[in-house]
Amino acid sequence: MRAAPPCRPCSWTPEGDAIQAREREEGYTDNHLTTLTRLNIEVLTRLRRRLSPEAQDGLSVAVYDETIRFNITLINDKLCVMQPYLPNARGVDSPTFLAERNSTGTGLYGTFEEIFNSLWE
């Protein structure tokens, strides 16, 4: 991570209402998504502590408590990967899409970048 671009994962708040609603939607009664989310955040937090002080600045984790309908990954300032959360469908059953920023600044990349940034704040 020394020379890597910033990594800003943003995830559900494990104790939030939105993740509990998604668990009900997917039919989980055992806090499955809550446990996985908590584990993911813990792994990232441990990883960050093991990085050099300079590299730690490149890894920030944020959480939100809103119903979100897309998994959004901004690869860089030109490429975005997004996957919809479909009712009653697991992640592997949902299609994955790529969006490239176009030269006019309009299109899907900008839309998903705006969604990600609003959740990050």
Protein backbone atom coordinates (compact mmCIF):
# COMPACT_ATOMS: atom_id res chain seq x y z
CA MET A 1 0.00 0.00 0.00
CA ARG A 2 3.00 2.31 -0.02
CA ALA A 3 2.52 3.41 -3.61
CA ALA A 4 -1.10 2.38 -3.95
CA PRO A 5 -3.94 4.84 -4.45
CA PRO A 6 -6.22 5.47 -1.48
CA CYS A 7 -8.55 2.65 -0.49
CA ARG A 8 -11.85 3.81 1.04
CA PRO A 9 -14.18 0.90 1.80
CA CYS A 10 -17.62 2.01 2.97
CA SER A 11 -19.92 -0.53 4.58
CA TRP A 12 -23.15 -0.89 6.48
CA THR A 13 -23.12 -0.10 10.18
CA PRO A 14 -23.27 -3.63 11.67
CA GLU A 15 -25.71 -2.49 14.36
CA GLY A 16 -27.84 -0.39 11.99
CA ASP A 17 -31.42 -0.67 10.83
CA ALA A 18 -30.52 -0.95 7.13
CA ILE A 19 -28.49 -4.14 7.50
CA GLN A 20 -31.20 -5.69 9.65
CA ALA A 21 -33.78 -4.89 6.95
CA ARG A 22 -31.55 -6.53 4.32
CA GLU A 23 -31.16 -9.62 6.51
CA ARG A 24 -34.95 -9.92 6.75
CA GLU A 25 -35.23 -9.39 2.98
CA GLU A 26 -32.76 -12.22 2.35
CA GLY A 27 -34.38 -14.48 4.95
CA TYR A 28 -31.54 -14.52 7.49
CA THR A 29 -32.50 -14.91 11.14
CA ASP A 30 -29.01 -15.48 12.58
CA ASN A 31 -27.37 -12.05 12.01
CA HIS A 32 -25.46 -13.52 9.07
CA LEU A 33 -24.86 -10.24 7.24
CA THR A 34 -24.20 -8.36 10.46
CA THR A 35 -21.52 -10.89 11.43
CA LEU A 36 -19.90 -10.82 7.96
CA THR A 37 -19.90 -7.03 7.90
CA ARG A 38 -18.42 -6.79 11.38
CA LEU A 39 -15.71 -9.30 10.35
CA ASN A 40 -14.89 -7.35 7.17
CA ILE A 41 -14.51 -4.11 9.11
CA GLU A 42 -12.36 -5.86 11.73
CA VAL A 43 -10.06 -7.33 9.05
CA LEU A 44 -9.61 -3.91 7.44
CA THR A 45 -8.94 -2.30 10.82
CA ARG A 46 -6.30 -4.92 11.66
CA LEU A 47 -4.72 -4.51 8.25
CA ARG A 48 -4.55 -0.76 8.70
CA ARG A 49 -2.78 -1.12 12.08
CA ARG A 50 -0.12 -3.31 10.43
CA LEU A 51 0.68 -0.78 7.72
CA SER A 52 3.41 1.80 7.95
CA PRO A 53 2.22 5.20 9.23
CA GLU A 54 2.44 6.59 5.70
CA ALA A 55 0.41 3.73 4.24
CA GLN A 56 -2.20 3.94 7.03
CA ASP A 57 -3.30 7.28 5.60
CA GLY A 58 -4.21 5.46 2.38
CA LEU A 59 -6.74 3.13 4.03
CA SER A 60 -9.85 4.63 5.58
CA VAL A 61 -13.04 2.79 6.53
CA ALA A 62 -16.47 4.40 6.82
CA VAL A 63 -19.89 3.04 7.73
CA TYR A 64 -23.44 4.15 6.95
CA ASP A 65 -26.96 3.16 7.98
CA GLU A 66 -28.97 3.63 4.82
CA THR A 67 -30.67 1.25 2.46
CA ILE A 68 -28.32 1.02 -0.47
CA ARG A 69 -29.12 -0.86 -3.61
CA PHE A 70 -25.68 -1.11 -5.20
CA ASN A 71 -22.25 -2.38 -4.25
CA ILE A 72 -20.00 0.35 -5.65
CA THR A 73 -16.25 0.11 -6.22
CA LEU A 74 -14.46 3.09 -7.70
CA ILE A 75 -11.28 1.58 -9.13
CA ASN A 76 -9.81 4.95 -10.09
CA ASP A 77 -11.10 8.23 -11.48
CA LYS A 78 -12.16 6.49 -14.70
CA LEU A 79 -13.51 3.02 -13.86
CA CYS A 80 -16.37 1.96 -11.59
CA VAL A 81 -17.66 -1.53 -10.79
CA MET A 82 -21.22 -1.76 -9.51
CA GLN A 83 -23.48 -4.61 -8.58
CA PRO A 84 -27.15 -4.21 -7.69
CA TYR A 85 -28.64 -5.68 -4.56
CA LEU A 86 -31.61 -7.57 -5.91
CA PRO A 87 -34.53 -8.66 -3.72
CA ASN A 88 -34.08 -12.26 -2.59
CA ALA A 89 -30.81 -12.63 -4.51
CA ARG A 90 -27.34 -13.21 -3.13
CA GLY A 91 -24.41 -11.22 -4.46
CA VAL A 92 -23.18 -14.01 -6.70
CA ASP A 93 -26.63 -14.14 -8.32
CA SER A 94 -26.62 -10.43 -9.21
CA PRO A 95 -25.03 -9.09 -12.40
CA THR A 96 -21.90 -6.97 -12.17
CA PHE A 97 -21.49 -3.88 -14.36
CA LEU A 98 -18.53 -1.71 -15.37
CA ALA A 99 -18.90 1.99 -16.04
CA GLU A 100 -16.20 4.19 -17.54
CA ARG A 101 -16.11 7.95 -17.09
CA ASN A 102 -16.62 9.56 -20.46
CA SER A 103 -14.96 12.72 -21.69
CA THR A 104 -18.12 14.81 -21.15
CA GLY A 105 -18.35 13.92 -17.44
CA THR A 106 -21.90 12.63 -17.84
CA GLY A 107 -23.10 9.07 -17.55
CA LEU A 108 -23.20 6.28 -15.00
CA TYR A 109 -19.69 6.68 -13.59
CA GLY A 110 -20.52 10.14 -12.26
CA THR A 111 -23.83 8.95 -10.85
CA PHE A 112 -22.25 6.11 -8.88
CA GLU A 113 -19.31 8.27 -7.81
CA GLU A 114 -21.81 10.76 -6.36
CA ILE A 115 -23.67 7.99 -4.51
CA PHE A 116 -20.43 6.62 -3.04
CA ASN A 117 -19.21 10.05 -1.97
CA SER A 118 -22.53 10.92 -0.33
CA LEU A 119 -22.40 7.70 1.72
CA TRP A 120 -18.76 8.33 2.62
CA GLU A 121 -19.59 11.74 4.10
